[in-house]
N, C-alpha and C. Protein backbone atom coordinates (compact mmCIF):
# COMPACT_ATOMS: atom_id res chain seq x y z
N MET A 1 89.00 110.33 91.76
CA MET A 1 89.07 110.08 93.03
C MET A 1 90.94 110.09 93.17
N LYS A 2 91.51 110.40 94.57
CA LYS A 2 92.68 110.28 94.06
C LYS A 2 93.55 108.99 94.73
N LEU A 3 94.42 108.65 94.13
CA LEU A 3 95.14 107.32 94.11
C LEU A 3 96.03 107.42 94.86
N THR A 4 95.92 106.79 96.39
CA THR A 4 97.01 106.97 97.19
C THR A 4 97.38 105.67 97.57
N ALA A 5 98.73 105.40 98.04
CA ALA A 5 99.39 103.92 98.36
C ALA A 5 99.85 104.14 99.36
N SER A 6 99.86 103.07 100.17
CA SER A 6 100.57 102.47 101.50
C SER A 6 101.18 101.44 101.63
N MET A 7 102.38 101.91 101.81
CA MET A 7 103.48 100.53 101.93
C MET A 7 104.40 100.22 103.11
N MET A 8 104.34 99.07 103.81
CA MET A 8 105.10 99.26 104.93
C MET A 8 106.41 98.53 104.57
N VAL A 9 107.53 98.98 104.51
CA VAL A 9 108.61 98.76 104.20
C VAL A 9 110.14 98.76 105.59
N THR A 10 111.17 97.74 105.21
CA THR A 10 111.94 97.83 106.08
C THR A 10 112.84 98.70 105.80
N LEU A 11 114.05 98.69 106.69
CA LEU A 11 115.28 99.64 106.11
C LEU A 11 115.94 99.29 104.80
N ASP A 12 115.99 98.21 104.65
CA ASP A 12 116.67 97.74 103.36
C ASP A 12 115.72 97.38 102.32
N GLY A 13 114.37 97.89 102.42
CA GLY A 13 113.55 98.41 101.38
C GLY A 13 112.47 96.86 101.20
N VAL A 14 112.47 96.09 102.02
CA VAL A 14 111.64 95.12 101.86
C VAL A 14 110.14 95.03 102.13
N TYR A 15 109.40 94.81 101.42
CA TYR A 15 107.79 94.61 101.28
C TYR A 15 107.37 93.28 102.10
N GLN A 16 108.00 92.23 101.78
CA GLN A 16 107.22 91.13 101.57
C GLN A 16 107.04 90.63 103.03
N GLY A 17 105.93 89.76 103.26
CA GLY A 17 105.43 89.68 104.59
C GLY A 17 105.42 90.07 105.78
N PRO A 18 105.21 91.37 106.04
CA PRO A 18 104.97 92.20 107.18
C PRO A 18 104.45 91.46 108.23
N GLY A 19 103.18 90.97 108.04
CA GLY A 19 102.28 90.59 109.02
C GLY A 19 102.40 89.22 109.68
N GLY A 20 103.17 88.22 109.20
CA GLY A 20 103.16 87.18 109.45
C GLY A 20 104.25 86.08 108.96
N ARG A 21 104.65 84.82 109.38
CA ARG A 21 105.70 84.04 108.75
C ARG A 21 105.26 83.59 107.72
N GLU A 22 103.71 83.15 107.63
CA GLU A 22 103.50 82.34 106.45
C GLU A 22 102.67 83.20 105.46
N GLU A 23 102.50 84.55 105.67
CA GLU A 23 101.87 85.55 105.01
C GLU A 23 102.12 85.57 103.61
N ASP A 24 103.58 85.46 103.19
CA ASP A 24 103.91 85.49 101.67
C ASP A 24 105.39 84.79 102.00
N GLU A 25 105.34 83.49 100.98
CA GLU A 25 106.38 82.95 101.23
C GLU A 25 107.23 82.76 100.06
N ARG A 26 106.52 83.74 99.18
CA ARG A 26 107.48 83.54 97.70
C ARG A 26 109.19 83.61 97.81
N GLY A 27 109.60 82.91 96.84
CA GLY A 27 111.01 82.64 96.87
C GLY A 27 111.73 82.05 97.97
N SER A 28 110.80 81.11 98.53
CA SER A 28 111.29 80.82 100.31
C SER A 28 111.58 81.44 101.01
N PHE A 29 110.85 82.58 101.12
CA PHE A 29 111.25 83.56 102.51
C PHE A 29 110.80 83.48 103.60
N ASP A 30 111.71 83.35 104.47
CA ASP A 30 111.23 82.69 105.88
C ASP A 30 111.34 83.93 106.65
N ARG A 31 111.51 85.00 106.32
CA ARG A 31 111.43 86.10 107.61
C ARG A 31 110.10 87.01 107.76
N GLY A 32 109.20 86.40 107.36
CA GLY A 32 107.83 87.44 107.64
C GLY A 32 107.60 87.61 109.09
N GLY A 33 106.67 88.56 109.43
CA GLY A 33 106.28 88.84 110.49
C GLY A 33 107.02 90.02 111.05
N TRP A 34 108.09 90.89 110.35
CA TRP A 34 108.76 91.93 110.70
C TRP A 34 108.39 93.32 111.27
N THR A 35 106.73 93.25 111.32
CA THR A 35 106.26 94.41 112.01
C THR A 35 105.52 93.94 113.55
N ALA A 36 105.98 93.22 113.85
CA ALA A 36 105.25 92.24 114.99
C ALA A 36 105.75 93.14 116.17
N ALA A 37 107.18 92.99 115.94
CA ALA A 37 107.82 93.96 117.35
C ALA A 37 107.51 95.39 117.43
N TYR A 38 106.79 95.88 116.31
CA TYR A 38 106.54 97.47 116.37
C TYR A 38 105.29 97.98 116.46
N ALA A 39 104.31 97.12 117.18
CA ALA A 39 103.10 97.85 117.46
C ALA A 39 102.79 98.98 118.16
N ASP A 40 101.92 99.74 117.91
CA ASP A 40 102.18 101.28 118.21
C ASP A 40 100.43 101.58 118.30
N PRO A 41 99.70 102.00 119.62
CA PRO A 41 98.49 102.46 119.44
C PRO A 41 98.47 103.73 118.32
N ASP A 42 99.41 104.68 118.54
CA ASP A 42 99.42 105.69 117.66
C ASP A 42 99.39 105.17 116.10
N GLY A 43 99.95 104.55 115.77
CA GLY A 43 100.05 103.79 114.37
C GLY A 43 98.91 103.35 114.21
N TRP A 44 98.24 102.61 114.95
CA TRP A 44 96.73 102.34 114.54
C TRP A 44 95.60 103.37 114.26
N GLY A 45 95.94 104.58 115.01
CA GLY A 45 95.21 105.71 115.15
C GLY A 45 95.36 106.54 113.62
N TRP A 46 96.85 106.55 113.08
CA TRP A 46 97.11 107.02 111.85
C TRP A 46 96.28 106.37 110.93
N LEU A 47 96.69 104.64 110.52
CA LEU A 47 95.88 103.87 109.74
C LEU A 47 94.54 103.82 109.64
N THR A 48 93.58 104.03 111.06
CA THR A 48 92.33 104.32 111.11
C THR A 48 91.70 105.43 110.05
N ALA A 49 92.51 106.57 110.65
CA ALA A 49 92.08 107.83 109.86
C ALA A 49 92.31 107.99 108.51
N TRP A 50 93.28 106.91 108.09
CA TRP A 50 93.73 106.86 106.56
C TRP A 50 92.71 105.98 105.93
N PHE A 51 92.15 104.98 106.38
CA PHE A 51 91.04 103.99 106.00
C PHE A 51 89.49 104.89 105.91
N GLU A 52 89.68 105.78 106.72
CA GLU A 52 88.06 106.59 106.85
C GLU A 52 88.04 107.41 105.59
N ARG A 53 88.97 107.44 104.73
CA ARG A 53 88.98 108.18 103.53
C ARG A 53 88.87 107.65 102.39
N ALA A 54 88.74 106.12 102.64
CA ALA A 54 88.77 105.50 101.34
C ALA A 54 87.57 105.12 100.76
N ASP A 55 87.09 105.34 99.54
CA ASP A 55 85.84 105.13 98.79
C ASP A 55 86.16 103.65 98.01
N ALA A 56 87.08 103.37 97.64
CA ALA A 56 87.51 102.00 97.12
C ALA A 56 89.16 101.41 97.11
N PHE A 57 89.20 100.55 96.78
CA PHE A 57 90.59 99.90 97.06
C PHE A 57 91.20 99.37 95.47
N LEU A 58 92.33 99.57 95.43
CA LEU A 58 93.06 99.09 94.23
C LEU A 58 94.13 97.98 94.70
N LEU A 59 93.96 96.65 94.59
CA LEU A 59 94.90 95.92 95.14
C LEU A 59 95.55 94.77 94.03
N GLY A 60 96.89 94.43 94.54
CA GLY A 60 97.64 93.48 93.45
C GLY A 60 96.75 92.11 93.90
N ARG A 61 97.20 91.17 92.93
CA ARG A 61 96.12 89.71 93.13
C ARG A 61 96.80 89.08 94.50
N LYS A 62 98.34 89.20 94.82
CA LYS A 62 98.73 88.74 95.92
C LYS A 62 98.11 89.07 96.87
N THR A 63 98.00 90.41 97.20
CA THR A 63 97.72 90.95 98.37
C THR A 63 95.82 90.84 98.54
N TRP A 64 95.38 90.78 97.60
CA TRP A 64 93.75 89.81 97.47
C TRP A 64 93.86 88.88 97.99
N GLN A 65 94.70 87.69 97.59
CA GLN A 65 94.75 86.51 98.13
C GLN A 65 95.49 86.50 99.36
N ILE A 66 95.98 87.21 100.24
CA ILE A 66 96.23 87.45 101.45
C ILE A 66 94.97 87.82 102.32
N TRP A 67 94.20 88.75 101.67
CA TRP A 67 93.38 89.46 102.72
C TRP A 67 92.00 88.77 102.73
N GLU A 68 91.73 87.69 101.40
CA GLU A 68 90.65 87.24 101.19
C GLU A 68 89.87 86.31 101.93
N PRO A 69 90.84 85.73 102.88
CA PRO A 69 90.46 84.36 103.53
C PRO A 69 90.41 85.14 105.10
N TYR A 70 90.86 86.32 105.09
CA TYR A 70 91.44 86.94 106.59
C TYR A 70 90.17 87.57 107.14
N TRP A 71 90.07 88.69 106.27
CA TRP A 71 88.95 90.02 106.68
C TRP A 71 87.54 89.55 106.71
N PRO A 72 86.86 88.74 106.01
CA PRO A 72 85.72 88.26 106.28
C PRO A 72 85.51 88.08 107.58
N LEU A 73 86.33 87.11 108.10
CA LEU A 73 86.43 86.54 109.37
C LEU A 73 86.59 87.54 110.51
N HIS A 74 86.95 88.74 110.23
CA HIS A 74 87.49 89.20 111.29
C HIS A 74 87.00 91.08 111.00
N ASP A 75 85.63 91.43 110.73
CA ASP A 75 85.02 92.27 110.73
C ASP A 75 84.52 92.88 112.24
N SER A 76 84.97 93.84 112.44
CA SER A 76 84.68 94.56 113.88
C SER A 76 84.03 95.50 113.88
N GLY A 77 83.72 96.05 112.30
CA GLY A 77 82.89 97.14 112.33
C GLY A 77 83.64 98.39 112.48
N ASP A 78 85.25 98.56 112.51
CA ASP A 78 85.96 99.74 112.59
C ASP A 78 86.39 100.09 111.15
N PRO A 79 86.62 101.35 110.84
CA PRO A 79 86.83 101.76 109.42
C PRO A 79 88.06 100.84 108.48
N VAL A 80 88.78 100.44 109.37
CA VAL A 80 89.84 99.34 108.62
C VAL A 80 89.27 97.96 108.33
N SER A 81 88.89 97.07 108.98
CA SER A 81 88.04 95.74 109.00
C SER A 81 86.93 95.87 108.44
N HIS A 82 85.91 97.17 108.69
CA HIS A 82 84.81 96.83 107.75
C HIS A 82 85.19 97.70 106.47
N GLY A 83 85.71 98.50 106.27
CA GLY A 83 86.13 99.05 104.99
C GLY A 83 86.78 98.40 104.14
N ILE A 84 87.67 97.41 104.48
CA ILE A 84 88.35 96.20 103.47
C ILE A 84 87.07 95.39 103.16
N ASN A 85 86.33 94.85 104.02
CA ASN A 85 85.19 94.23 103.50
C ASN A 85 84.12 94.49 102.74
N VAL A 86 83.75 95.66 102.92
CA VAL A 86 82.42 96.24 102.12
C VAL A 86 82.53 97.32 100.95
N LEU A 87 83.51 97.92 101.08
CA LEU A 87 84.18 99.00 99.62
C LEU A 87 84.42 97.97 98.71
N PRO A 88 84.12 98.75 97.58
CA PRO A 88 84.85 98.35 96.23
C PRO A 88 86.57 98.06 96.17
N LYS A 89 86.50 96.85 95.65
CA LYS A 89 88.19 96.13 95.86
C LYS A 89 88.13 95.95 94.05
N TYR A 90 88.83 96.53 93.66
CA TYR A 90 89.55 96.55 92.15
C TYR A 90 90.99 95.33 92.18
N VAL A 91 90.97 94.66 91.23
CA VAL A 91 92.20 93.70 91.11
C VAL A 91 92.28 93.38 89.96
N PRO A 92 93.51 93.91 89.29
CA PRO A 92 94.05 93.73 87.96
C PRO A 92 94.27 92.18 87.91
N SER A 93 94.08 91.27 87.04
CA SER A 93 94.25 90.00 87.18
C SER A 93 94.00 89.22 85.68
N THR A 94 94.35 88.49 85.41
CA THR A 94 94.06 87.66 84.05
C THR A 94 94.11 86.55 84.49
N THR A 95 93.97 86.11 85.91
CA THR A 95 93.82 84.72 86.34
C THR A 95 92.65 84.35 87.46
N LEU A 96 92.21 85.33 87.86
CA LEU A 96 91.39 85.49 89.20
C LEU A 96 89.73 85.50 88.51
N LYS A 97 89.19 84.69 88.55
CA LYS A 97 87.95 84.47 88.24
C LYS A 97 86.59 84.10 89.20
N ASP A 98 85.59 84.82 89.25
CA ASP A 98 84.60 84.75 89.64
C ASP A 98 84.90 84.89 91.30
N PRO A 99 85.26 85.84 91.79
CA PRO A 99 85.89 85.70 93.02
C PRO A 99 84.38 85.94 94.22
N ALA A 100 84.58 85.51 95.19
CA ALA A 100 83.03 85.17 96.16
C ALA A 100 83.41 86.50 97.14
N TRP A 101 84.56 86.97 97.58
CA TRP A 101 84.66 87.95 98.25
C TRP A 101 83.73 89.40 97.77
N GLN A 102 82.83 89.34 98.70
CA GLN A 102 81.73 90.65 98.43
C GLN A 102 82.68 91.98 97.62
N ASN A 103 81.86 92.60 96.96
CA ASN A 103 82.35 93.85 96.13
C ASN A 103 83.54 93.70 95.58
N THR A 104 84.02 92.47 95.03
CA THR A 104 85.33 92.34 94.22
C THR A 104 85.12 92.52 92.75
N HIS A 105 85.83 93.14 92.16
CA HIS A 105 85.60 93.27 90.95
C HIS A 105 87.08 93.42 89.88
N VAL A 106 87.27 92.10 89.17
CA VAL A 106 88.38 91.94 88.51
C VAL A 106 88.65 92.81 87.22
N ILE A 107 89.74 93.82 87.28
CA ILE A 107 90.32 94.14 85.97
C ILE A 107 91.07 93.74 85.10
N THR A 108 90.30 93.47 83.88
CA THR A 108 91.11 92.66 82.85
C THR A 108 91.17 93.53 81.73
N GLY A 109 91.89 93.24 80.43
CA GLY A 109 92.12 94.08 79.02
C GLY A 109 93.01 95.47 79.57
N ASP A 110 92.69 96.42 79.29
CA ASP A 110 93.62 97.73 79.18
C ASP A 110 93.69 98.13 80.83
N ILE A 111 94.72 97.62 81.45
CA ILE A 111 94.66 98.03 82.72
C ILE A 111 94.76 99.44 83.22
N GLU A 112 96.03 100.21 82.40
CA GLU A 112 96.07 101.56 82.76
C GLU A 112 94.71 102.42 82.27
N ALA A 113 94.34 102.07 81.46
CA ALA A 113 92.77 102.83 80.97
C ALA A 113 91.90 102.75 81.94
N ALA A 114 91.67 101.40 82.38
CA ALA A 114 90.62 101.17 83.51
C ALA A 114 90.78 101.83 84.75
N ILE A 115 92.28 101.92 85.24
CA ILE A 115 92.81 102.87 86.40
C ILE A 115 92.64 104.21 86.45
N ARG A 116 93.06 104.52 85.00
CA ARG A 116 92.78 106.15 84.73
C ARG A 116 91.11 106.74 85.00
N GLU A 117 90.26 105.71 84.60
CA GLU A 117 88.99 105.88 84.69
C GLU A 117 88.69 105.68 86.36
N LEU A 118 88.97 104.85 86.60
CA LEU A 118 88.55 104.92 88.03
C LEU A 118 89.17 106.25 88.85
N ARG A 119 90.41 106.57 88.65
CA ARG A 119 90.64 107.86 89.07
C ARG A 119 89.91 109.05 89.19
N ALA A 120 89.37 108.95 87.58
CA ALA A 120 88.72 110.17 87.11
C ALA A 120 87.27 110.39 87.85
N ARG A 121 86.82 109.20 88.58
CA ARG A 121 85.31 109.13 88.89
C ARG A 121 85.47 110.02 90.37
N PRO A 122 84.00 110.87 90.75
CA PRO A 122 84.36 111.26 91.84
C PRO A 122 84.30 110.63 93.24
N GLY A 123 84.82 111.22 94.07
CA GLY A 123 85.10 110.76 95.49
C GLY A 123 86.20 110.79 96.08
N ARG A 124 86.52 110.33 97.27
CA ARG A 124 87.77 110.93 97.98
C ARG A 124 89.02 110.05 97.39
N GLU A 125 89.32 108.83 97.93
CA GLU A 125 90.41 108.22 97.75
C GLU A 125 90.31 106.72 97.00
N LEU A 126 90.98 106.43 96.19
CA LEU A 126 91.44 104.97 95.60
C LEU A 126 92.67 104.67 96.10
N GLN A 127 92.18 103.74 97.15
CA GLN A 127 93.51 103.23 98.12
C GLN A 127 94.15 102.07 97.51
N VAL A 128 95.58 101.90 97.42
CA VAL A 128 96.42 100.86 97.38
C VAL A 128 97.18 100.59 98.39
N HIS A 129 96.90 99.25 99.03
CA HIS A 129 97.71 98.66 100.04
C HIS A 129 98.29 97.71 99.62
N GLY A 130 99.75 97.65 100.24
CA GLY A 130 100.88 96.69 99.74
C GLY A 130 100.48 96.72 98.14
N SER A 131 100.73 95.57 97.60
CA SER A 131 100.59 95.00 96.37
C SER A 131 101.90 95.77 95.84
N GLY A 132 102.90 95.44 96.01
CA GLY A 132 104.59 95.87 95.82
C GLY A 132 104.62 96.00 94.02
N VAL A 133 104.36 94.73 93.68
CA VAL A 133 104.43 94.67 91.78
C VAL A 133 103.55 95.57 91.06
N LEU A 134 102.35 95.65 91.66
CA LEU A 134 101.59 96.79 91.32
C LEU A 134 101.77 98.40 91.39
N LEU A 135 102.43 98.46 92.81
CA LEU A 135 102.51 99.67 93.02
C LEU A 135 103.84 100.49 92.22
N ARG A 136 104.94 99.54 91.75
CA ARG A 136 105.87 99.86 91.15
C ARG A 136 105.31 100.03 89.63
N TRP A 137 104.48 99.55 89.22
CA TRP A 137 103.79 99.83 87.81
C TRP A 137 102.89 101.03 88.00
N LEU A 138 102.27 101.07 88.69
CA LEU A 138 101.52 102.68 88.73
C LEU A 138 102.62 103.33 89.09
N LEU A 139 103.59 103.59 89.47
CA LEU A 139 104.80 104.74 89.74
C LEU A 139 105.16 105.00 88.38
N GLU A 140 105.64 103.73 87.77
CA GLU A 140 106.44 104.05 86.35
C GLU A 140 105.30 104.62 85.40
N ARG A 141 103.88 104.90 85.84
CA ARG A 141 103.00 105.37 84.67
C ARG A 141 102.38 106.49 85.22
N ASP A 142 103.29 106.91 86.45
CA ASP A 142 102.74 108.30 87.16
C ASP A 142 101.09 108.19 87.26
N LEU A 143 101.03 107.20 87.91
CA LEU A 143 99.24 107.16 88.50
C LEU A 143 99.20 107.25 89.68
N VAL A 144 100.08 107.48 90.47
CA VAL A 144 100.20 107.44 91.85
C VAL A 144 99.93 108.78 92.10
N ASP A 145 99.10 109.14 93.04
CA ASP A 145 98.92 110.79 93.47
C ASP A 145 99.97 111.17 94.77
N GLU A 146 99.90 110.12 95.76
CA GLU A 146 100.37 110.24 97.27
C GLU A 146 100.88 108.86 97.31
N LEU A 147 102.18 108.68 98.20
CA LEU A 147 103.01 107.35 98.44
C LEU A 147 103.08 107.88 99.88
N ASN A 148 102.28 106.95 100.93
CA ASN A 148 102.81 106.62 102.12
C ASN A 148 103.63 105.47 102.32
N LEU A 149 104.93 105.92 102.91
CA LEU A 149 105.62 104.79 103.28
C LEU A 149 105.61 104.81 104.97
N ARG A 150 105.47 103.64 105.34
CA ARG A 150 105.89 103.22 106.68
C ARG A 150 106.92 102.57 107.28
N LEU A 151 107.94 103.42 107.73
CA LEU A 151 109.42 102.50 107.20
C LEU A 151 109.74 101.74 108.51
N TYR A 152 110.03 100.97 109.10
CA TYR A 152 110.52 100.06 110.12
C TYR A 152 111.82 100.19 110.38
N PRO A 153 112.35 100.06 111.56
CA PRO A 153 114.06 100.35 111.85
C PRO A 153 114.39 98.83 111.92
N VAL A 154 114.11 98.22 110.83
CA VAL A 154 114.69 96.94 111.03
C VAL A 154 115.12 96.45 109.66
N VAL A 155 116.34 95.70 109.37
CA VAL A 155 116.64 95.46 108.22
C VAL A 155 117.04 93.56 108.06
N VAL A 156 116.08 93.15 107.34
CA VAL A 156 115.77 91.57 107.29
C VAL A 156 116.86 90.49 106.30
N GLY A 157 117.21 91.55 105.54
CA GLY A 157 118.54 90.67 104.69
C GLY A 157 118.07 90.13 103.49
N ASP A 158 116.59 89.84 103.14
CA ASP A 158 116.25 88.81 102.23
C ASP A 158 114.73 89.77 101.95
N GLY A 159 114.24 89.03 100.87
CA GLY A 159 112.92 89.42 100.51
C GLY A 159 112.56 90.34 99.29
N LEU A 160 111.17 90.15 98.98
CA LEU A 160 110.88 90.99 97.80
C LEU A 160 111.30 92.77 98.03
N ARG A 161 111.70 93.38 97.33
CA ARG A 161 112.52 94.88 97.56
C ARG A 161 110.95 95.96 96.77
N LEU A 162 110.85 96.85 97.30
CA LEU A 162 110.01 97.77 96.79
C LEU A 162 110.40 98.12 95.35
N PHE A 163 111.55 98.65 95.42
CA PHE A 163 112.28 99.34 94.35
C PHE A 163 113.47 98.30 93.85
N PRO A 164 113.67 97.69 92.75
CA PRO A 164 114.48 97.08 92.36
C PRO A 164 116.02 97.77 91.65
N GLU A 165 117.22 96.66 91.95
CA GLU A 165 118.02 97.32 91.84
C GLU A 165 118.51 98.18 90.39
N ARG A 166 117.95 98.28 89.56
CA ARG A 166 117.61 98.66 88.07
C ARG A 166 116.32 98.79 87.91
N GLY A 167 115.64 100.03 87.62
CA GLY A 167 114.28 100.45 87.31
C GLY A 167 114.00 101.82 86.63
N GLN A 168 113.08 102.48 86.86
CA GLN A 168 112.38 103.86 86.70
C GLN A 168 112.99 104.64 87.63
N THR A 169 113.34 106.08 87.48
CA THR A 169 113.41 106.95 88.45
C THR A 169 112.40 107.61 88.81
N HIS A 170 112.27 108.07 89.99
CA HIS A 170 111.50 108.86 90.60
C HIS A 170 111.76 110.20 91.63
N ASN A 171 111.24 111.12 91.75
CA ASN A 171 111.50 112.13 92.29
C ASN A 171 110.51 112.39 92.97
N LEU A 172 110.60 112.49 94.55
CA LEU A 172 109.41 112.74 95.47
C LEU A 172 109.47 113.80 96.22
N GLU A 173 108.34 114.24 96.46
CA GLU A 173 108.26 115.74 97.22
C GLU A 173 107.57 115.35 98.76
N LEU A 174 108.61 115.48 99.80
CA LEU A 174 108.06 115.33 101.10
C LEU A 174 107.01 115.95 101.33
N VAL A 175 105.66 115.55 101.90
CA VAL A 175 104.62 116.28 102.36
C VAL A 175 104.57 116.35 103.98
N GLU A 176 104.80 115.00 104.52
CA GLU A 176 104.64 114.97 105.74
C GLU A 176 105.55 114.05 106.31
N SER A 177 106.06 114.08 107.41
CA SER A 177 106.75 113.17 108.40
C SER A 177 106.69 113.01 109.92
N ARG A 178 106.65 111.94 110.05
CA ARG A 178 106.24 111.90 111.67
C ARG A 178 106.69 110.22 112.25
N SER A 179 107.19 110.34 113.50
CA SER A 179 107.66 109.34 114.02
C SER A 179 106.86 109.03 115.20
N LEU A 180 106.76 107.43 115.36
CA LEU A 180 105.96 106.82 116.40
C LEU A 180 106.91 106.50 117.18
N SER A 181 106.23 106.43 118.71
CA SER A 181 107.37 106.13 119.76
C SER A 181 108.15 104.43 119.42
N SER A 182 107.48 103.79 118.77
CA SER A 182 108.24 102.25 118.25
C SER A 182 109.20 102.61 117.20
N GLY A 183 109.49 103.94 117.02
CA GLY A 183 110.70 103.75 116.09
C GLY A 183 110.14 104.26 114.35
N VAL A 184 108.85 103.43 114.18
CA VAL A 184 108.55 103.38 113.10
C VAL A 184 108.17 104.96 112.22
N MET A 185 108.77 105.20 111.13
CA MET A 185 108.34 106.90 110.35
C MET A 185 107.44 106.52 109.48
N LEU A 186 106.15 107.47 109.61
CA LEU A 186 105.31 107.76 108.90
C LEU A 186 105.71 108.79 107.43
N LEU A 187 106.18 108.19 106.49
CA LEU A 187 106.48 109.34 105.33
C LEU A 187 105.61 109.47 104.34
N THR A 188 104.88 110.70 104.22
CA THR A 188 104.06 110.69 103.02
C THR A 188 104.80 111.49 102.05
N TYR A 189 104.81 110.94 100.69
CA TYR A 189 105.29 111.87 99.44
C TYR A 189 104.17 111.83 98.45
N ARG A 190 104.49 113.14 97.50
CA ARG A 190 103.76 113.41 96.43
C ARG A 190 104.64 113.27 95.21
N PRO A 191 104.57 112.24 94.11
CA PRO A 191 105.49 111.84 92.98
C PRO A 191 105.65 113.12 92.50
N ALA A 192 107.03 113.33 91.99
CA ALA A 192 107.11 114.91 91.22
C ALA A 192 108.08 114.57 90.23
N GLY A 193 107.73 113.66 89.22
CA GLY A 193 108.30 113.66 88.20
C GLY A 193 109.51 112.50 88.20
N ARG A 194 110.57 112.29 87.22
CA ARG A 194 111.72 111.57 87.25
C ARG A 194 112.74 112.62 87.87
N ALA A 195 113.58 111.56 88.43
CA ALA A 195 115.10 112.20 89.20
C ALA A 195 115.92 112.98 88.18
N THR A 196 116.56 114.07 88.70
CA THR A 196 117.45 114.75 87.82
C THR A 196 118.67 114.63 88.31
N PHE A 197 119.82 114.47 87.64
CA PHE A 197 121.09 114.34 88.30
C PHE A 197 121.88 115.46 87.67
N GLY A 198 123.08 115.47 88.56
CA GLY A 198 124.10 116.60 88.43
C GLY A 198 125.49 116.28 89.21
N ASP A 199 126.10 117.00 89.23
CA ASP A 199 127.36 117.15 90.22
C ASP A 199 127.19 117.84 91.38
N ALA A 200 127.32 117.21 92.47
CA ALA A 200 127.07 117.75 93.83
C ALA A 200 127.80 119.02 94.51
N GLY A 201 129.04 119.20 93.72
CA GLY A 201 129.98 120.31 93.80
C GLY A 201 129.29 121.73 93.07
N GLU A 202 128.21 121.45 92.06
CA GLU A 202 128.40 122.53 91.01
C GLU A 202 126.99 123.21 91.70
């Protein structure tokens, strides 16, 4: 399966709490819900088409915790809500025990080896949604085949950022870009190794 990742980010790189004020309050974050003003039918169509390609999900513990109480009560039979509920959900965690949400599988032990084994299985896409800490970890180990960023035209000025001020370098090849009427940019990248450096005048 191809490992594809999707992340909603602000112009200042924040991924925390896109869906609501109380969605993710880590670090006393009180600026959640920054996607609400940019709802767009075109965006939903893109998202639906992407979920249709999923054969399984790889989720960080926090994202799984946000999804688990919501989606079982909001299954409308569409590729997004129904897919999230019924497809396998793999969650790397040392503390999540005996999850009740259907088709949830906790990954323990050698997480990198387990994810490489999942990628080697036949199928279409193993999708990562949100899960910023996990996504950075995957990128650092060259485990991401495709990165989809939904870039929102807003600066929130606080919150957890996808890329830290100091960290691993990444070179990304732009595969596709598209703008929605709301001003949101859909950017698809293919990771292409580490960044290279030189003098601009040379």
